[in-house]
Amino acid sequence: MPSVNIRQFRDVERLKAWLRAGKTVELRERDEVIARIVPEGSPRPTGDWPDFAAMRREIFGERVLPGEDIAIEKRSRY
């Protein structure tokens, strides 16, 4: 997989050539990957998402949390 540094990111022609060839390009800053640029039309990764509603019910039960009251109370402090 080709990679490009932040400073080299200005070379748009090379980047466009890689993307038109269907390659995913890694964007790096100080040898650390900070992003991946994926060409349009690439297959998206598929995976099963966890059942967030079931997780919420397991943690909180069926009670409704008073989120709005807390937000209004905290807002008045500033």
PDB file of N, CA and C in Angstrom:
ATOM      1  N   MET A   1       0.847  -1.165   0.000  1.00  0.00           N
ATOM      2  CA  MET A   1       0.000   0.000   0.000  1.00  0.00           C
ATOM      3  C   MET A   1       0.900   1.239   0.000  1.00  0.00           C
ATOM      4  N   PRO A   2       0.714   2.114  -0.953  1.00  0.00           N
ATOM      5  CA  PRO A   2       1.530   3.328  -0.982  1.00  0.00           C
ATOM      6  C   PRO A   2       1.204   4.227   0.206  1.00  0.00           C
ATOM      7  N   SER A   3       2.211   4.963   0.646  1.00  0.00           N
ATOM      8  CA  SER A   3       1.982   5.917   1.732  1.00  0.00           C
ATOM      9  C   SER A   3       2.595   7.250   1.347  1.00  0.00           C
ATOM     10  N   VAL A   4       2.038   8.306   1.916  1.00  0.00           N
ATOM     11  CA  VAL A   4       2.503   9.649   1.620  1.00  0.00           C
ATOM     12  C   VAL A   4       2.571  10.414   2.942  1.00  0.00           C
ATOM     13  N   ASN A   5       3.620  11.207   3.087  1.00  0.00           N
ATOM     14  CA  ASN A   5       3.795  12.026   4.265  1.00  0.00           C
ATOM     15  C   ASN A   5       2.993  13.314   4.097  1.00  0.00           C
ATOM     16  N   ILE A   6       2.744  14.008   5.183  1.00  0.00           N
ATOM     17  CA  ILE A   6       1.979  15.259   5.124  1.00  0.00           C
ATOM     18  C   ILE A   6       2.637  16.254   4.174  1.00  0.00           C
ATOM     19  N   ARG A   7       3.943  16.367   4.227  1.00  0.00           N
ATOM     20  CA  ARG A   7       4.645  17.314   3.343  1.00  0.00           C
ATOM     21  C   ARG A   7       4.555  16.888   1.877  1.00  0.00           C
ATOM     22  N   GLN A   8       4.539  15.589   1.625  1.00  0.00           N
ATOM     23  CA  GLN A   8       4.455  15.091   0.255  1.00  0.00           C
ATOM     24  C   GLN A   8       3.031  15.114  -0.273  1.00  0.00           C
ATOM     25  N   PHE A   9       2.079  15.417   0.580  1.00  0.00           N
ATOM     26  CA  PHE A   9       0.668  15.397   0.203  1.00  0.00           C
ATOM     27  C   PHE A   9       0.353  16.442  -0.859  1.00  0.00           C
ATOM     28  N   ARG A  10       1.222  17.404  -1.032  1.00  0.00           N
ATOM     29  CA  ARG A  10       1.010  18.444  -2.052  1.00  0.00           C
ATOM     30  C   ARG A  10       1.120  17.900  -3.467  1.00  0.00           C
ATOM     31  N   ASP A  11       1.793  16.761  -3.630  1.00  0.00           N
ATOM     32  CA  ASP A  11       1.939  16.146  -4.947  1.00  0.00           C
ATOM     33  C   ASP A  11       0.643  15.414  -5.287  1.00  0.00           C
ATOM     34  N   VAL A  12      -0.349  16.184  -5.702  1.00  0.00           N
ATOM     35  CA  VAL A  12      -1.685  15.665  -5.920  1.00  0.00           C
ATOM     36  C   VAL A  12      -1.730  14.717  -7.122  1.00  0.00           C
ATOM     37  N   GLU A  13      -0.912  14.954  -8.118  1.00  0.00           N
ATOM     38  CA  GLU A  13      -0.945  14.120  -9.323  1.00  0.00           C
ATOM     39  C   GLU A  13      -0.585  12.668  -9.004  1.00  0.00           C
ATOM     40  N   ARG A  14       0.437  12.471  -8.182  1.00  0.00           N
ATOM     41  CA  ARG A  14       0.819  11.107  -7.824  1.00  0.00           C
ATOM     42  C   ARG A  14      -0.287  10.456  -6.987  1.00  0.00           C
ATOM     43  N   LEU A  15      -0.869  11.222  -6.080  1.00  0.00           N
ATOM     44  CA  LEU A  15      -1.960  10.717  -5.255  1.00  0.00           C
ATOM     45  C   LEU A  15      -3.150  10.309  -6.114  1.00  0.00           C
ATOM     46  N   LYS A  16      -3.529  11.149  -7.074  1.00  0.00           N
ATOM     47  CA  LYS A  16      -4.649  10.824  -7.957  1.00  0.00           C
ATOM     48  C   LYS A  16      -4.355   9.598  -8.799  1.00  0.00           C
ATOM     49  N   ALA A  17      -3.115   9.436  -9.233  1.00  0.00           N
ATOM     50  CA  ALA A  17      -2.746   8.263 -10.033  1.00  0.00           C
ATOM     51  C   ALA A  17      -2.906   6.985  -9.221  1.00  0.00           C
ATOM     52  N   TRP A  18      -2.472   7.003  -7.964  1.00  0.00           N
ATOM     53  CA  TRP A  18      -2.631   5.825  -7.111  1.00  0.00           C
ATOM     54  C   TRP A  18      -4.104   5.501  -6.892  1.00  0.00           C
ATOM     55  N   LEU A  19      -4.909   6.534  -6.634  1.00  0.00           N
ATOM     56  CA  LEU A  19      -6.328   6.306  -6.383  1.00  0.00           C
ATOM     57  C   LEU A  19      -7.047   5.813  -7.629  1.00  0.00           C
ATOM     58  N   ARG A  20      -6.689   6.350  -8.804  1.00  0.00           N
ATOM     59  CA  ARG A  20      -7.305   5.866 -10.049  1.00  0.00           C
ATOM     60  C   ARG A  20      -6.926   4.426 -10.342  1.00  0.00           C
ATOM     61  N   ALA A  21      -5.738   4.008  -9.852  1.00  0.00           N
ATOM     62  CA  ALA A  21      -5.303   2.624 -10.031  1.00  0.00           C
ATOM     63  C   ALA A  21      -5.972   1.696  -9.013  1.00  0.00           C
ATOM     64  N   GLY A  22      -6.788   2.262  -8.120  1.00  0.00           N
ATOM     65  CA  GLY A  22      -7.516   1.450  -7.162  1.00  0.00           C
ATOM     66  C   GLY A  22      -6.745   1.148  -5.892  1.00  0.00           C
ATOM     67  N   LYS A  23      -5.677   1.899  -5.629  1.00  0.00           N
ATOM     68  CA  LYS A  23      -4.867   1.645  -4.443  1.00  0.00           C
ATOM     69  C   LYS A  23      -5.324   2.522  -3.283  1.00  0.00           C
ATOM     70  N   THR A  24      -5.296   1.966  -2.095  1.00  0.00           N
ATOM     71  CA  THR A  24      -5.556   2.721  -0.891  1.00  0.00           C
ATOM     72  C   THR A  24      -4.253   3.379  -0.461  1.00  0.00           C
ATOM     73  N   VAL A  25      -4.304   4.650  -0.111  1.00  0.00           N
ATOM     74  CA  VAL A  25      -3.105   5.416   0.223  1.00  0.00           C
ATOM     75  C   VAL A  25      -3.135   5.754   1.713  1.00  0.00           C
ATOM     76  N   GLU A  26      -2.019   5.498   2.394  1.00  0.00           N
ATOM     77  CA  GLU A  26      -1.894   5.851   3.798  1.00  0.00           C
ATOM     78  C   GLU A  26      -1.311   7.255   3.923  1.00  0.00           C
ATOM     79  N   LEU A  27      -1.918   8.065   4.772  1.00  0.00           N
ATOM     80  CA  LEU A  27      -1.419   9.402   5.064  1.00  0.00           C
ATOM     81  C   LEU A  27      -0.696   9.323   6.404  1.00  0.00           C
ATOM     82  N   ARG A  28       0.580   9.715   6.413  1.00  0.00           N
ATOM     83  CA  ARG A  28       1.412   9.566   7.605  1.00  0.00           C
ATOM     84  C   ARG A  28       1.910  10.914   8.103  1.00  0.00           C
ATOM     85  N   GLU A  29       2.112  10.966   9.409  1.00  0.00           N
ATOM     86  CA  GLU A  29       2.758  12.104  10.040  1.00  0.00           C
ATOM     87  C   GLU A  29       3.765  11.540  11.029  1.00  0.00           C
ATOM     88  N   ARG A  30       5.033  11.829  10.776  1.00  0.00           N
ATOM     89  CA  ARG A  30       6.122  11.304  11.600  1.00  0.00           C
ATOM     90  C   ARG A  30       6.045   9.780  11.719  1.00  0.00           C
ATOM     91  N   ASP A  31       5.921   9.117  10.605  1.00  0.00           N
ATOM     92  CA  ASP A  31       5.874   7.653  10.496  1.00  0.00           C
ATOM     93  C   ASP A  31       4.719   7.015  11.253  1.00  0.00           C
ATOM     94  N   GLU A  32       3.672   7.775  11.524  1.00  0.00           N
ATOM     95  CA  GLU A  32       2.485   7.237  12.163  1.00  0.00           C
ATOM     96  C   GLU A  32       1.314   7.423  11.202  1.00  0.00           C
ATOM     97  N   VAL A  33       0.584   6.354  10.938  1.00  0.00           N
ATOM     98  CA  VAL A  33      -0.567   6.435  10.037  1.00  0.00           C
ATOM     99  C   VAL A  33      -1.669   7.213  10.747  1.00  0.00           C
ATOM    100  N   ILE A  34      -2.115   8.302  10.101  1.00  0.00           N
ATOM    101  CA  ILE A  34      -3.195   9.096  10.679  1.00  0.00           C
ATOM    102  C   ILE A  34      -4.483   8.988   9.862  1.00  0.00           C
ATOM    103  N   ALA A  35      -4.381   8.475   8.619  1.00  0.00           N
ATOM    104  CA  ALA A  35      -5.578   8.314   7.800  1.00  0.00           C
ATOM    105  C   ALA A  35      -5.291   7.367   6.648  1.00  0.00           C
ATOM    106  N   ARG A  36      -6.342   6.823   6.105  1.00  0.00           N
ATOM    107  CA  ARG A  36      -6.258   6.029   4.879  1.00  0.00           C
ATOM    108  C   ARG A  36      -7.250   6.625   3.885  1.00  0.00           C
ATOM    109  N   ILE A  37      -6.766   6.886   2.687  1.00  0.00           N
ATOM    110  CA  ILE A  37      -7.609   7.427   1.635  1.00  0.00           C
ATOM    111  C   ILE A  37      -7.970   6.264   0.721  1.00  0.00           C
ATOM    112  N   VAL A  38      -9.260   5.975   0.645  1.00  0.00           N
ATOM    113  CA  VAL A  38      -9.747   4.814  -0.097  1.00  0.00           C
ATOM    114  C   VAL A  38     -10.402   5.300  -1.380  1.00  0.00           C
ATOM    115  N   PRO A  39     -10.074   4.683  -2.518  1.00  0.00           N
ATOM    116  CA  PRO A  39     -10.689   5.121  -3.770  1.00  0.00           C
ATOM    117  C   PRO A  39     -12.187   4.836  -3.794  1.00  0.00           C
ATOM    118  N   GLU A  40     -12.916   5.661  -4.503  1.00  0.00           N
ATOM    119  CA  GLU A  40     -14.358   5.508  -4.651  1.00  0.00           C
ATOM    120  C   GLU A  40     -14.658   4.186  -5.338  1.00  0.00           C
ATOM    121  N   GLY A  41     -15.679   3.510  -4.857  1.00  0.00           N
ATOM    122  CA  GLY A  41     -16.075   2.244  -5.471  1.00  0.00           C
ATOM    123  C   GLY A  41     -15.388   1.046  -4.847  1.00  0.00           C
ATOM    124  N   SER A  42     -14.526   1.266  -3.858  1.00  0.00           N
ATOM    125  CA  SER A  42     -13.887   0.146  -3.183  1.00  0.00           C
ATOM    126  C   SER A  42     -14.908  -0.566  -2.314  1.00  0.00           C
ATOM    127  N   PRO A  43     -14.758  -1.859  -2.188  1.00  0.00           N
ATOM    128  CA  PRO A  43     -15.697  -2.558  -1.307  1.00  0.00           C
ATOM    129  C   PRO A  43     -15.483  -2.110   0.130  1.00  0.00           C
ATOM    130  N   ARG A  44     -16.572  -1.818   0.796  1.00  0.00           N
ATOM    131  CA  ARG A  44     -16.491  -1.372   2.185  1.00  0.00           C
ATOM    132  C   ARG A  44     -16.347  -2.588   3.082  1.00  0.00           C
ATOM    133  N   PRO A  45     -15.599  -2.430   4.149  1.00  0.00           N
ATOM    134  CA  PRO A  45     -15.482  -3.564   5.062  1.00  0.00           C
ATOM    135  C   PRO A  45     -16.827  -3.875   5.697  1.00  0.00           C
ATOM    136  N   THR A  46     -17.163  -5.123   5.703  1.00  0.00           N
ATOM    137  CA  THR A  46     -18.420  -5.534   6.299  1.00  0.00           C
ATOM    138  C   THR A  46     -18.133  -6.205   7.621  1.00  0.00           C
ATOM    139  N   GLY A  47     -18.963  -5.998   8.527  1.00  0.00           N
ATOM    140  CA  GLY A  47     -18.813  -6.609   9.833  1.00  0.00           C
ATOM    141  C   GLY A  47     -20.103  -6.470  10.601  1.00  0.00           C
ATOM    142  N   ASP A  48     -20.267  -7.318  11.544  1.00  0.00           N
ATOM    143  CA  ASP A  48     -21.472  -7.261  12.349  1.00  0.00           C
ATOM    144  C   ASP A  48     -21.283  -6.242  13.458  1.00  0.00           C
ATOM    145  N   TRP A  49     -22.224  -5.335  13.565  1.00  0.00           N
ATOM    146  CA  TRP A  49     -22.201  -4.345  14.628  1.00  0.00           C
ATOM    147  C   TRP A  49     -22.806  -4.971  15.875  1.00  0.00           C
ATOM    148  N   PRO A  50     -22.287  -4.614  17.033  1.00  0.00           N
ATOM    149  CA  PRO A  50     -22.883  -5.138  18.260  1.00  0.00           C
ATOM    150  C   PRO A  50     -24.286  -4.584  18.457  1.00  0.00           C
ATOM    151  N   ASP A  51     -25.076  -5.281  19.219  1.00  0.00           N
ATOM    152  CA  ASP A  51     -26.440  -4.846  19.514  1.00  0.00           C
ATOM    153  C   ASP A  51     -26.371  -3.820  20.645  1.00  0.00           C
ATOM    154  N   PHE A  52     -26.277  -2.539  20.276  1.00  0.00           N
ATOM    155  CA  PHE A  52     -26.120  -1.484  21.260  1.00  0.00           C
ATOM    156  C   PHE A  52     -27.342  -1.353  22.164  1.00  0.00           C
ATOM    157  N   ALA A  53     -28.515  -1.579  21.629  1.00  0.00           N
ATOM    158  CA  ALA A  53     -29.727  -1.479  22.441  1.00  0.00           C
ATOM    159  C   ALA A  53     -29.725  -2.552  23.525  1.00  0.00           C
ATOM    160  N   ALA A  54     -29.292  -3.756  23.183  1.00  0.00           N
ATOM    161  CA  ALA A  54     -29.231  -4.827  24.178  1.00  0.00           C
ATOM    162  C   ALA A  54     -28.180  -4.516  25.235  1.00  0.00           C
ATOM    163  N   MET A  55     -27.066  -3.937  24.824  1.00  0.00           N
ATOM    164  CA  MET A  55     -26.033  -3.566  25.783  1.00  0.00           C
ATOM    165  C   MET A  55     -26.549  -2.493  26.748  1.00  0.00           C
ATOM    166  N   ARG A  56     -27.283  -1.516  26.215  1.00  0.00           N
ATOM    167  CA  ARG A  56     -27.848  -0.465  27.056  1.00  0.00           C
ATOM    168  C   ARG A  56     -28.829  -1.051  28.062  1.00  0.00           C
ATOM    169  N   ARG A  57     -29.704  -1.955  27.592  1.00  0.00           N
ATOM    170  CA  ARG A  57     -30.670  -2.580  28.502  1.00  0.00           C
ATOM    171  C   ARG A  57     -29.964  -3.396  29.579  1.00  0.00           C
ATOM    172  N   GLU A  58     -28.866  -4.045  29.221  1.00  0.00           N
ATOM    173  CA  GLU A  58     -28.120  -4.839  30.191  1.00  0.00           C
ATOM    174  C   GLU A  58     -27.500  -3.953  31.280  1.00  0.00           C
ATOM    175  N   ILE A  59     -27.027  -2.772  30.879  1.00  0.00           N
ATOM    176  CA  ILE A  59     -26.382  -1.883  31.832  1.00  0.00           C
ATOM    177  C   ILE A  59     -27.397  -1.095  32.652  1.00  0.00           C
ATOM    178  N   PHE A  60     -28.386  -0.485  31.986  1.00  0.00           N
ATOM    179  CA  PHE A  60     -29.291   0.439  32.654  1.00  0.00           C
ATOM    180  C   PHE A  60     -30.671  -0.143  32.936  1.00  0.00           C
ATOM    181  N   GLY A  61     -30.995  -1.287  32.394  1.00  0.00           N
ATOM    182  CA  GLY A  61     -32.342  -1.819  32.551  1.00  0.00           C
ATOM    183  C   GLY A  61     -33.305  -1.033  31.677  1.00  0.00           C
ATOM    184  N   GLU A  62     -34.540  -0.894  32.149  1.00  0.00           N
ATOM    185  CA  GLU A  62     -35.559  -0.186  31.365  1.00  0.00           C
ATOM    186  C   GLU A  62     -35.771   1.249  31.827  1.00  0.00           C
ATOM    187  N   ARG A  63     -34.928   1.742  32.732  1.00  0.00           N
ATOM    188  CA  ARG A  63     -35.123   3.098  33.239  1.00  0.00           C
ATOM    189  C   ARG A  63     -34.681   4.133  32.197  1.00  0.00           C
ATOM    190  N   VAL A  64     -35.282   5.288  32.268  1.00  0.00           N
ATOM    191  CA  VAL A  64     -34.963   6.393  31.376  1.00  0.00           C
ATOM    192  C   VAL A  64     -34.049   7.343  32.144  1.00  0.00           C
ATOM    193  N   LEU A  65     -32.943   7.693  31.548  1.00  0.00           N
ATOM    194  CA  LEU A  65     -31.985   8.560  32.220  1.00  0.00           C
ATOM    195  C   LEU A  65     -32.330  10.025  31.984  1.00  0.00           C
ATOM    196  N   PRO A  66     -32.196  10.874  33.006  1.00  0.00           N
ATOM    197  CA  PRO A  66     -32.570  12.284  32.884  1.00  0.00           C
ATOM    198  C   PRO A  66     -31.456  13.117  32.253  1.00  0.00           C
ATOM    199  N   GLY A  67     -31.195  12.930  30.994  1.00  0.00           N
ATOM    200  CA  GLY A  67     -30.101  13.624  30.334  1.00  0.00           C
ATOM    201  C   GLY A  67     -30.323  15.105  30.155  1.00  0.00           C
ATOM    202  N   GLU A  68     -31.539  15.502  29.826  1.00  0.00           N
ATOM    203  CA  GLU A  68     -31.808  16.912  29.580  1.00  0.00           C
ATOM    204  C   GLU A  68     -31.648  17.736  30.849  1.00  0.00           C
ATOM    205  N   ASP A  69     -32.135  17.227  31.973  1.00  0.00           N
ATOM    206  CA  ASP A  69     -32.032  17.955  33.234  1.00  0.00           C
ATOM    207  C   ASP A  69     -30.566  18.162  33.621  1.00  0.00           C
ATOM    208  N   ILE A  70     -29.745  17.148  33.418  1.00  0.00           N
ATOM    209  CA  ILE A  70     -28.328  17.250  33.752  1.00  0.00           C
ATOM    210  C   ILE A  70     -27.649  18.291  32.875  1.00  0.00           C
ATOM    211  N   ALA A  71     -27.958  18.287  31.578  1.00  0.00           N
ATOM    212  CA  ALA A  71     -27.336  19.238  30.659  1.00  0.00           C
ATOM    213  C   ALA A  71     -27.716  20.672  31.015  1.00  0.00           C
ATOM    214  N   ILE A  72     -28.973  20.905  31.362  1.00  0.00           N
ATOM    215  CA  ILE A  72     -29.408  22.263  31.727  1.00  0.00           C
ATOM    216  C   ILE A  72     -28.748  22.693  33.025  1.00  0.00           C
ATOM    217  N   GLU A  73     -28.653  21.779  33.992  1.00  0.00           N
ATOM    218  CA  GLU A  73     -28.022  22.098  35.266  1.00  0.00           C
ATOM    219  C   GLU A  73     -26.547  22.439  35.093  1.00  0.00           C
ATOM    220  N   LYS A  74     -25.832  21.691  34.275  1.00  0.00           N
ATOM    221  CA  LYS A  74     -24.400  21.941  34.041  1.00  0.00           C
ATOM    222  C   LYS A  74     -24.188  23.231  33.257  1.00  0.00           C
ATOM    223  N   ARG A  75     -25.102  23.548  32.341  1.00  0.00           N
ATOM    224  CA  ARG A  75     -24.962  24.744  31.507  1.00  0.00           C
ATOM    225  C   ARG A  75     -25.028  26.013  32.341  1.00  0.00           C
ATOM    226  N   SER A  76     -25.793  26.001  33.422  1.00  0.00           N
ATOM    227  CA  SER A  76     -25.953  27.207  34.216  1.00  0.00           C
ATOM    228  C   SER A  76     -24.683  27.552  34.993  1.00  0.00           C
ATOM    229  N   ARG A  77     -23.759  26.618  35.121  1.00  0.00           N
ATOM    230  CA  ARG A  77     -22.525  26.894  35.848  1.00  0.00           C
ATOM    231  C   ARG A  77     -21.604  27.834  35.089  1.00  0.00           C
ATOM    232  N   TYR A  78     -21.760  27.943  33.790  1.00  0.00           N
ATOM    233  CA  TYR A  78     -20.812  28.731  32.988  1.00  0.00           C
ATOM    234  C   TYR A  78     -21.443  30.032  32.636  1.00  0.00           C
TER     235      TYR A  78
END
